[in-house]
N, C-alpha and C. Protein backbone atom coordinates (compact mmCIF):
# COMPACT_ATOMS: atom_id res chain seq x y z
N UNK A 1 152.03 83.98 137.27
CA UNK A 1 151.93 85.28 136.63
C UNK A 1 151.39 86.32 137.61
N UNK A 2 151.74 86.19 138.86
CA UNK A 2 151.29 87.12 139.88
C UNK A 2 151.68 88.54 139.50
N UNK A 3 150.71 89.45 139.53
CA UNK A 3 150.98 90.84 139.21
C UNK A 3 150.86 91.19 137.74
N UNK A 4 150.74 90.18 136.88
CA UNK A 4 150.65 90.48 135.45
C UNK A 4 149.22 90.48 134.95
N UNK A 5 148.29 89.95 135.76
CA UNK A 5 146.88 89.94 135.36
C UNK A 5 146.03 90.48 136.50
N UNK A 6 144.87 91.01 136.13
CA UNK A 6 143.91 91.50 137.12
C UNK A 6 143.00 90.37 137.56
N UNK A 7 141.99 90.72 138.35
CA UNK A 7 141.11 89.69 138.90
C UNK A 7 140.29 88.97 137.84
N UNK A 8 140.10 89.59 136.68
CA UNK A 8 139.34 88.95 135.60
C UNK A 8 140.24 88.29 134.57
N UNK A 9 141.52 88.17 134.90
CA UNK A 9 142.47 87.53 133.99
C UNK A 9 143.00 88.44 132.90
N UNK A 10 142.65 89.74 132.95
CA UNK A 10 143.16 90.69 131.96
C UNK A 10 144.62 91.00 132.25
N UNK A 11 145.40 91.15 131.20
CA UNK A 11 146.81 91.52 131.36
C UNK A 11 146.87 92.93 131.95
N UNK A 12 147.65 93.09 133.01
CA UNK A 12 147.81 94.38 133.68
C UNK A 12 148.37 95.40 132.69
N UNK A 13 147.84 96.62 132.71
CA UNK A 13 148.26 97.65 131.77
C UNK A 13 149.76 97.93 131.81
N UNK A 14 150.38 97.80 132.97
CA UNK A 14 151.82 98.03 133.10
C UNK A 14 152.60 97.06 132.20
N UNK A 15 152.07 95.87 132.01
CA UNK A 15 152.76 94.87 131.21
C UNK A 15 152.95 95.32 129.77
N UNK A 16 152.00 96.06 129.23
CA UNK A 16 152.12 96.53 127.84
C UNK A 16 153.37 97.41 127.70
N UNK A 17 153.61 98.28 128.68
CA UNK A 17 154.80 99.12 128.63
C UNK A 17 156.06 98.31 128.82
N UNK A 18 155.98 97.24 129.58
CA UNK A 18 157.14 96.35 129.71
C UNK A 18 157.43 95.64 128.40
N UNK A 19 156.37 95.21 127.71
CA UNK A 19 156.57 94.60 126.39
C UNK A 19 157.25 95.60 125.46
N UNK A 20 156.79 96.85 125.49
CA UNK A 20 157.38 97.89 124.63
C UNK A 20 158.84 98.12 124.99
N UNK A 21 159.15 98.12 126.29
CA UNK A 21 160.53 98.33 126.72
C UNK A 21 161.43 97.19 126.25
N UNK A 22 160.97 95.97 126.41
CA UNK A 22 161.76 94.82 125.94
C UNK A 22 162.00 94.89 124.44
N UNK A 23 160.98 95.28 123.70
CA UNK A 23 161.11 95.39 122.25
C UNK A 23 162.09 96.50 121.88
N UNK A 24 162.07 97.61 122.62
CA UNK A 24 163.00 98.71 122.35
C UNK A 24 164.44 98.25 122.58
N UNK A 25 164.68 97.52 123.65
CA UNK A 25 166.01 96.98 123.93
C UNK A 25 166.45 96.08 122.77
N UNK A 26 165.58 95.18 122.35
CA UNK A 26 165.92 94.28 121.24
C UNK A 26 166.14 95.04 119.94
N UNK A 27 165.32 96.08 119.70
CA UNK A 27 165.44 96.89 118.49
C UNK A 27 166.85 97.46 118.37
N UNK A 28 167.35 98.06 119.44
CA UNK A 28 168.67 98.68 119.38
C UNK A 28 169.79 97.65 119.42
N UNK A 29 169.63 96.60 120.19
CA UNK A 29 170.65 95.54 120.19
C UNK A 29 170.78 94.90 118.82
N UNK A 30 169.66 94.67 118.17
CA UNK A 30 169.69 94.05 116.84
C UNK A 30 170.41 94.93 115.82
N UNK A 31 170.38 96.23 116.00
CA UNK A 31 171.10 97.11 115.08
C UNK A 31 172.61 96.93 115.18
N UNK A 32 173.08 96.47 116.32
CA UNK A 32 174.51 96.25 116.50
C UNK A 32 174.96 94.83 116.23
N UNK A 33 174.03 93.98 115.84
CA UNK A 33 174.33 92.56 115.65
C UNK A 33 175.43 92.30 114.64
N UNK A 34 175.40 92.99 113.51
CA UNK A 34 176.40 92.73 112.47
C UNK A 34 177.52 93.77 112.46
N UNK A 35 177.64 94.52 113.53
CA UNK A 35 178.68 95.55 113.64
C UNK A 35 179.99 94.91 114.11
N UNK A 36 181.07 95.68 113.98
CA UNK A 36 182.34 95.23 114.54
C UNK A 36 182.16 95.10 116.06
N UNK A 37 183.10 94.42 116.69
CA UNK A 37 182.98 94.21 118.14
C UNK A 37 182.89 95.54 118.90
N UNK A 38 183.73 96.51 118.53
CA UNK A 38 183.72 97.81 119.21
C UNK A 38 182.39 98.53 119.01
N UNK A 39 181.92 98.55 117.77
CA UNK A 39 180.66 99.24 117.49
C UNK A 39 179.47 98.47 118.08
N UNK A 40 179.54 97.16 118.06
CA UNK A 40 178.48 96.36 118.69
C UNK A 40 178.36 96.67 120.17
N UNK A 41 179.51 96.87 120.81
CA UNK A 41 179.51 97.23 122.23
C UNK A 41 178.87 98.60 122.44
N UNK A 42 179.11 99.53 121.52
CA UNK A 42 178.50 100.86 121.64
C UNK A 42 176.98 100.78 121.49
N UNK A 43 176.50 99.90 120.61
CA UNK A 43 175.05 99.69 120.50
C UNK A 43 174.51 99.14 121.82
N UNK A 44 175.19 98.15 122.39
CA UNK A 44 174.75 97.58 123.66
C UNK A 44 174.79 98.62 124.78
N UNK A 45 175.82 99.47 124.75
CA UNK A 45 175.97 100.49 125.79
C UNK A 45 174.86 101.54 125.76
N UNK A 46 174.19 101.69 124.61
CA UNK A 46 173.06 102.62 124.55
C UNK A 46 172.00 102.28 125.59
N UNK A 47 171.99 101.05 126.02
CA UNK A 47 170.96 100.57 126.93
C UNK A 47 171.42 100.56 128.39
N UNK A 48 172.58 101.18 128.63
CA UNK A 48 173.14 101.23 129.98
C UNK A 48 173.42 102.68 130.36
N UNK A 49 173.59 102.96 131.64
CA UNK A 49 173.89 104.33 132.07
C UNK A 49 175.39 104.65 132.07
N UNK A 50 176.09 104.24 131.02
CA UNK A 50 177.51 104.60 130.91
C UNK A 50 177.76 105.11 129.49
N UNK A 51 178.49 106.17 129.39
CA UNK A 51 178.77 106.74 128.07
C UNK A 51 177.51 107.27 127.42
N UNK A 52 177.35 106.97 126.15
CA UNK A 52 176.18 107.40 125.39
C UNK A 52 175.05 106.41 125.63
N UNK A 53 173.87 106.92 125.99
CA UNK A 53 172.75 106.03 126.28
C UNK A 53 171.43 106.62 125.82
N UNK A 54 170.38 105.86 126.03
CA UNK A 54 169.03 106.28 125.68
C UNK A 54 168.19 106.33 126.95
N UNK A 55 167.42 107.39 127.09
CA UNK A 55 166.51 107.54 128.23
C UNK A 55 165.10 107.66 127.67
N UNK A 56 164.18 106.90 128.23
CA UNK A 56 162.78 107.02 127.83
C UNK A 56 162.25 108.35 128.34
N UNK A 57 161.90 109.23 127.42
CA UNK A 57 161.39 110.55 127.77
C UNK A 57 159.89 110.50 127.99
N UNK A 58 159.19 109.76 127.13
CA UNK A 58 157.75 109.62 127.30
C UNK A 58 157.26 108.37 126.58
N UNK A 59 156.14 107.88 127.04
CA UNK A 59 155.47 106.77 126.38
C UNK A 59 153.96 107.00 126.49
N UNK A 60 153.30 106.87 125.38
CA UNK A 60 151.84 106.97 125.35
C UNK A 60 151.32 105.63 124.86
N UNK A 61 150.43 105.03 125.61
CA UNK A 61 149.90 103.72 125.26
C UNK A 61 148.41 103.81 125.01
N UNK A 62 148.01 103.34 123.84
CA UNK A 62 146.58 103.26 123.49
C UNK A 62 146.20 101.79 123.55
N UNK A 63 145.29 101.47 124.43
CA UNK A 63 144.84 100.09 124.60
C UNK A 63 143.68 99.84 123.64
N UNK A 64 143.78 98.76 122.87
CA UNK A 64 142.76 98.47 121.86
C UNK A 64 141.72 97.47 122.36
N UNK A 65 142.13 96.51 123.16
CA UNK A 65 141.20 95.57 123.80
C UNK A 65 141.94 94.89 124.94
N UNK A 66 141.23 94.37 125.92
CA UNK A 66 141.90 93.74 127.07
C UNK A 66 142.34 92.31 126.75
N UNK A 67 143.65 92.11 126.69
CA UNK A 67 144.16 90.75 126.51
C UNK A 67 143.96 89.97 127.80
N UNK A 68 143.77 88.69 127.66
CA UNK A 68 143.62 87.82 128.83
C UNK A 68 144.67 86.71 128.77
N UNK A 69 145.00 86.20 129.94
CA UNK A 69 145.91 85.08 130.05
C UNK A 69 145.13 83.80 129.79
N UNK A 70 145.64 82.84 129.07
CA UNK A 70 146.95 82.82 128.43
C UNK A 70 146.92 83.45 127.04
N UNK A 71 147.99 84.09 126.68
CA UNK A 71 148.17 84.68 125.35
C UNK A 71 149.66 84.90 125.15
N UNK A 72 150.08 85.03 123.94
CA UNK A 72 151.44 85.42 123.59
C UNK A 72 151.34 86.70 122.77
N UNK A 73 152.40 87.48 122.81
CA UNK A 73 152.40 88.72 122.05
C UNK A 73 153.56 88.76 121.07
N UNK A 74 153.34 89.46 119.99
CA UNK A 74 154.39 89.85 119.07
C UNK A 74 154.48 91.36 119.20
N UNK A 75 155.69 91.88 119.35
CA UNK A 75 155.86 93.31 119.53
C UNK A 75 156.76 93.83 118.41
N UNK A 76 156.26 94.82 117.69
CA UNK A 76 156.97 95.39 116.54
C UNK A 76 157.29 96.85 116.80
N UNK A 77 158.48 97.27 116.41
CA UNK A 77 158.90 98.67 116.51
C UNK A 77 159.10 99.24 115.12
N UNK A 78 158.87 100.54 115.01
CA UNK A 78 159.27 101.25 113.80
C UNK A 78 159.66 102.67 114.16
N UNK A 79 160.60 103.18 113.41
CA UNK A 79 160.98 104.58 113.56
C UNK A 79 159.87 105.45 112.99
N UNK A 80 159.50 106.50 113.70
CA UNK A 80 158.46 107.41 113.23
C UNK A 80 159.03 108.41 112.23
N UNK A 81 160.30 108.76 112.41
CA UNK A 81 160.97 109.66 111.47
C UNK A 81 162.43 109.27 111.35
N UNK A 82 163.03 109.66 110.24
CA UNK A 82 164.43 109.33 110.00
C UNK A 82 165.32 110.18 110.91
N UNK A 83 166.29 109.55 111.58
CA UNK A 83 167.20 110.33 112.42
C UNK A 83 168.24 111.06 111.57
N UNK A 84 168.80 112.11 112.14
CA UNK A 84 169.89 112.84 111.50
C UNK A 84 171.05 112.90 112.49
N UNK A 85 172.17 113.44 112.04
CA UNK A 85 173.31 113.58 112.95
C UNK A 85 173.06 114.64 114.02
N UNK A 86 171.99 115.43 113.87
CA UNK A 86 171.63 116.43 114.88
C UNK A 86 170.52 115.94 115.81
N UNK A 87 170.00 114.76 115.58
CA UNK A 87 168.87 114.24 116.34
C UNK A 87 169.25 113.97 117.80
N UNK A 88 168.46 114.56 118.72
CA UNK A 88 168.62 114.27 120.15
C UNK A 88 167.55 113.29 120.62
N UNK A 89 166.39 113.31 119.97
CA UNK A 89 165.26 112.47 120.37
C UNK A 89 164.85 111.58 119.20
N UNK A 90 164.49 110.35 119.53
CA UNK A 90 163.98 109.40 118.54
C UNK A 90 162.56 109.04 118.91
N UNK A 91 161.70 108.99 117.92
CA UNK A 91 160.31 108.57 118.14
C UNK A 91 160.15 107.16 117.58
N UNK A 92 159.58 106.28 118.38
CA UNK A 92 159.31 104.91 117.97
C UNK A 92 157.83 104.62 118.14
N UNK A 93 157.27 103.95 117.15
CA UNK A 93 155.91 103.44 117.27
C UNK A 93 156.03 101.95 117.58
N UNK A 94 155.22 101.49 118.51
CA UNK A 94 155.27 100.10 118.94
C UNK A 94 153.89 99.48 118.78
N UNK A 95 153.84 98.34 118.15
CA UNK A 95 152.59 97.58 118.04
C UNK A 95 152.71 96.34 118.89
N UNK A 96 151.76 96.13 119.78
CA UNK A 96 151.69 94.93 120.60
C UNK A 96 150.51 94.12 120.08
N UNK A 97 150.82 92.97 119.52
CA UNK A 97 149.81 92.16 118.82
C UNK A 97 149.52 90.90 119.62
N UNK A 98 148.26 90.65 119.87
CA UNK A 98 147.83 89.41 120.52
C UNK A 98 147.88 88.29 119.50
N UNK A 99 148.65 87.25 119.80
CA UNK A 99 148.71 86.11 118.88
C UNK A 99 147.43 85.28 118.96
N UNK A 100 146.85 85.23 120.14
CA UNK A 100 145.61 84.47 120.33
C UNK A 100 144.47 85.06 119.50
N UNK A 101 144.37 86.38 119.50
CA UNK A 101 143.27 87.05 118.80
C UNK A 101 143.67 87.57 117.42
N UNK A 102 144.97 87.49 117.12
CA UNK A 102 145.50 87.93 115.82
C UNK A 102 145.09 89.36 115.50
N UNK A 103 145.27 90.23 116.49
CA UNK A 103 144.94 91.64 116.28
C UNK A 103 145.75 92.52 117.22
N UNK A 104 145.73 93.79 116.91
CA UNK A 104 146.46 94.77 117.70
C UNK A 104 145.82 94.91 119.08
N UNK A 105 146.61 94.69 120.12
CA UNK A 105 146.12 94.83 121.49
C UNK A 105 146.43 96.21 122.06
N UNK A 106 147.55 96.78 121.63
CA UNK A 106 147.93 98.11 122.10
C UNK A 106 148.92 98.72 121.12
N UNK A 107 148.92 100.04 121.11
CA UNK A 107 149.86 100.80 120.29
C UNK A 107 150.52 101.81 121.21
N UNK A 108 151.84 101.89 121.15
CA UNK A 108 152.57 102.84 121.97
C UNK A 108 153.35 103.80 121.08
N UNK A 109 153.51 105.00 121.57
CA UNK A 109 154.39 105.97 120.94
C UNK A 109 155.43 106.34 121.99
N UNK A 110 156.69 106.03 121.69
CA UNK A 110 157.77 106.28 122.63
C UNK A 110 158.68 107.39 122.11
N UNK A 111 159.11 108.24 123.01
CA UNK A 111 160.14 109.22 122.68
C UNK A 111 161.33 108.91 123.57
N UNK A 112 162.47 108.64 122.96
CA UNK A 112 163.69 108.37 123.71
C UNK A 112 164.70 109.47 123.41
N UNK A 113 165.41 109.87 124.43
CA UNK A 113 166.42 110.93 124.31
C UNK A 113 167.80 110.31 124.35
N UNK A 114 168.65 110.76 123.45
CA UNK A 114 170.05 110.34 123.46
C UNK A 114 170.74 111.18 124.53
N UNK A 115 171.45 110.51 125.43
CA UNK A 115 172.01 111.18 126.61
C UNK A 115 173.45 110.74 126.82
N UNK A 116 174.31 111.70 127.07
CA UNK A 116 175.72 111.41 127.38
C UNK A 116 175.85 111.41 128.90
N UNK A 117 175.97 110.23 129.47
CA UNK A 117 176.03 110.09 130.93
C UNK A 117 177.30 110.70 131.51
N UNK A 118 178.40 110.67 130.76
CA UNK A 118 179.65 111.23 131.27
C UNK A 118 179.60 112.76 131.31
N UNK A 119 179.01 113.37 130.28
CA UNK A 119 178.90 114.83 130.24
C UNK A 119 177.67 115.33 131.00
N UNK A 120 176.69 114.44 131.23
CA UNK A 120 175.48 114.82 131.95
C UNK A 120 174.54 115.70 131.15
N UNK A 121 174.42 115.44 129.84
CA UNK A 121 173.53 116.25 129.00
C UNK A 121 173.09 115.47 127.76
N UNK A 122 172.10 116.05 127.06
CA UNK A 122 171.64 115.47 125.80
C UNK A 122 172.82 115.35 124.84
N UNK A 123 172.69 114.40 123.93
CA UNK A 123 173.76 114.19 122.95
C UNK A 123 173.12 113.76 121.63
N UNK A 124 173.96 113.47 120.68
CA UNK A 124 173.51 112.92 119.40
C UNK A 124 174.13 111.55 119.23
N UNK A 125 173.53 110.76 118.38
CA UNK A 125 174.06 109.43 118.10
C UNK A 125 175.34 109.52 117.28
N UNK A 126 176.16 108.50 117.40
CA UNK A 126 177.35 108.41 116.56
C UNK A 126 176.92 108.31 115.10
N UNK A 127 177.69 108.88 114.18
CA UNK A 127 177.31 108.85 112.76
C UNK A 127 177.02 107.44 112.23
N UNK A 128 177.78 106.43 112.66
CA UNK A 128 177.52 105.08 112.17
C UNK A 128 176.16 104.56 112.65
N UNK A 129 175.71 105.02 113.82
CA UNK A 129 174.40 104.63 114.33
C UNK A 129 173.29 105.30 113.52
N UNK A 130 173.49 106.58 113.22
CA UNK A 130 172.51 107.30 112.39
C UNK A 130 172.40 106.62 111.04
N UNK A 131 173.54 106.25 110.47
CA UNK A 131 173.54 105.57 109.17
C UNK A 131 172.77 104.25 109.23
N UNK A 132 173.01 103.47 110.26
CA UNK A 132 172.33 102.17 110.40
C UNK A 132 170.83 102.36 110.62
N UNK A 133 170.45 103.31 111.45
CA UNK A 133 169.03 103.58 111.68
C UNK A 133 168.36 104.11 110.41
N UNK A 134 169.09 104.86 109.61
CA UNK A 134 168.54 105.33 108.34
C UNK A 134 168.34 104.19 107.35
N UNK A 135 169.17 103.16 107.42
CA UNK A 135 168.94 101.96 106.60
C UNK A 135 167.61 101.33 107.00
N UNK A 136 167.36 101.27 108.30
CA UNK A 136 166.08 100.74 108.79
C UNK A 136 164.93 101.62 108.30
N UNK A 137 165.09 102.92 108.40
CA UNK A 137 164.06 103.86 107.93
C UNK A 137 163.76 103.62 106.45
N UNK A 138 164.82 103.50 105.64
CA UNK A 138 164.64 103.29 104.20
C UNK A 138 163.89 101.99 103.92
N UNK A 139 164.22 100.93 104.65
CA UNK A 139 163.50 99.66 104.49
C UNK A 139 162.03 99.80 104.88
N UNK A 140 161.78 100.49 105.97
CA UNK A 140 160.39 100.73 106.40
C UNK A 140 159.61 101.42 105.29
N UNK A 141 160.19 102.47 104.73
CA UNK A 141 159.50 103.25 103.70
C UNK A 141 159.30 102.43 102.43
N UNK A 142 160.28 101.63 102.08
CA UNK A 142 160.17 100.77 100.90
C UNK A 142 159.00 99.80 101.07
N UNK A 143 158.93 99.16 102.22
CA UNK A 143 157.85 98.20 102.46
C UNK A 143 156.50 98.89 102.64
N UNK A 144 156.50 100.09 103.21
CA UNK A 144 155.25 100.83 103.35
C UNK A 144 154.66 101.11 101.96
N UNK A 145 155.49 101.56 101.04
CA UNK A 145 155.02 101.85 99.68
C UNK A 145 154.50 100.58 99.02
N UNK A 146 155.22 99.49 99.19
CA UNK A 146 154.80 98.22 98.57
C UNK A 146 153.47 97.76 99.13
N UNK A 147 153.32 97.77 100.44
CA UNK A 147 152.08 97.28 101.04
C UNK A 147 150.91 98.24 100.83
N UNK A 148 151.19 99.53 100.73
CA UNK A 148 150.11 100.47 100.39
C UNK A 148 149.58 100.18 98.99
N UNK A 149 150.48 99.87 98.07
CA UNK A 149 150.06 99.53 96.70
C UNK A 149 149.25 98.24 96.70
N UNK A 150 149.70 97.23 97.46
CA UNK A 150 148.96 95.97 97.54
C UNK A 150 147.58 96.19 98.15
N UNK A 151 147.49 97.01 99.18
CA UNK A 151 146.20 97.30 99.81
C UNK A 151 145.28 98.01 98.83
N UNK A 152 145.83 98.92 98.06
CA UNK A 152 145.04 99.63 97.05
C UNK A 152 144.49 98.65 96.02
N UNK A 153 145.33 97.70 95.59
CA UNK A 153 144.89 96.70 94.61
C UNK A 153 143.78 95.82 95.18
N UNK A 154 143.89 95.43 96.43
CA UNK A 154 142.85 94.62 97.07
C UNK A 154 141.55 95.41 97.15
N UNK A 155 141.64 96.68 97.55
CA UNK A 155 140.43 97.52 97.64
C UNK A 155 139.77 97.67 96.28
N UNK A 156 140.56 97.86 95.23
CA UNK A 156 140.00 97.97 93.88
C UNK A 156 139.34 96.67 93.45
N UNK A 157 139.97 95.53 93.77
CA UNK A 157 139.39 94.23 93.42
C UNK A 157 138.06 94.03 94.15
N UNK A 158 138.00 94.40 95.42
CA UNK A 158 136.76 94.28 96.17
C UNK A 158 135.67 95.18 95.60
N UNK A 159 136.06 96.37 95.19
CA UNK A 159 135.09 97.27 94.55
C UNK A 159 134.53 96.65 93.27
N UNK A 160 135.40 96.03 92.48
CA UNK A 160 134.95 95.39 91.24
C UNK A 160 134.02 94.22 91.53
N UNK A 161 134.38 93.42 92.53
CA UNK A 161 133.55 92.27 92.90
C UNK A 161 132.18 92.74 93.37
N UNK A 162 132.17 93.81 94.14
CA UNK A 162 130.91 94.33 94.69
C UNK A 162 130.17 95.23 93.71
N UNK A 163 130.74 95.44 92.53
CA UNK A 163 130.07 96.24 91.52
C UNK A 163 130.08 97.73 91.79
N UNK A 164 131.02 98.19 92.61
CA UNK A 164 131.08 99.61 92.95
C UNK A 164 131.70 100.44 91.84
N UNK A 165 132.49 99.81 90.99
CA UNK A 165 133.16 100.59 89.94
C UNK A 165 132.87 100.01 88.59
C-alpha cells in the first residue's frame, strides 16, 4: 500500500478523493445497467472524453477522523438535487464509511459538469438520463422521509423512557 498511508499508518487524504471518484464512476455506470445496449453505452461514455461526458468541476472533502490501515470502506453517493433537462451541473454528496469503525470517515461534495467533448462546451444530459436520475432522486426522497419518521419515533421512545415527556 505504498503511497496510500502516512508514516503513522493513516490513510493518505488523496485516497478519500479516489474512493469518491471510483464511487462516482460506479454510480453512473450502474444507472446504465438495465438500459438498452445503445443507451448503456451512452452511460458508459459519460466517463470518457468522447461525446457527452462528465468533468469533475470541484470536490470538497471533510475529514471526520483519520482511518488507519487495515480497513475497508463503503462509499455511498446521493444526488443533492433533482436534475432537469436544463441541468449543466450535478451535485453529489459522498459518504466514505470506515467498516472497521462503523462510522463516517469523510464526506465529500462533488460538482460535476456535463460536457460535450465534440462541441467543446457545456451540455445537458440526454432526456432518458435525466429521467433515470430523477428515479434515483425520487427513491432517495422516499427513503429519506421514511427514515426521518423512524428516527423521530426512536427519539420519542427515548424521551418516554427517560421521562422527558
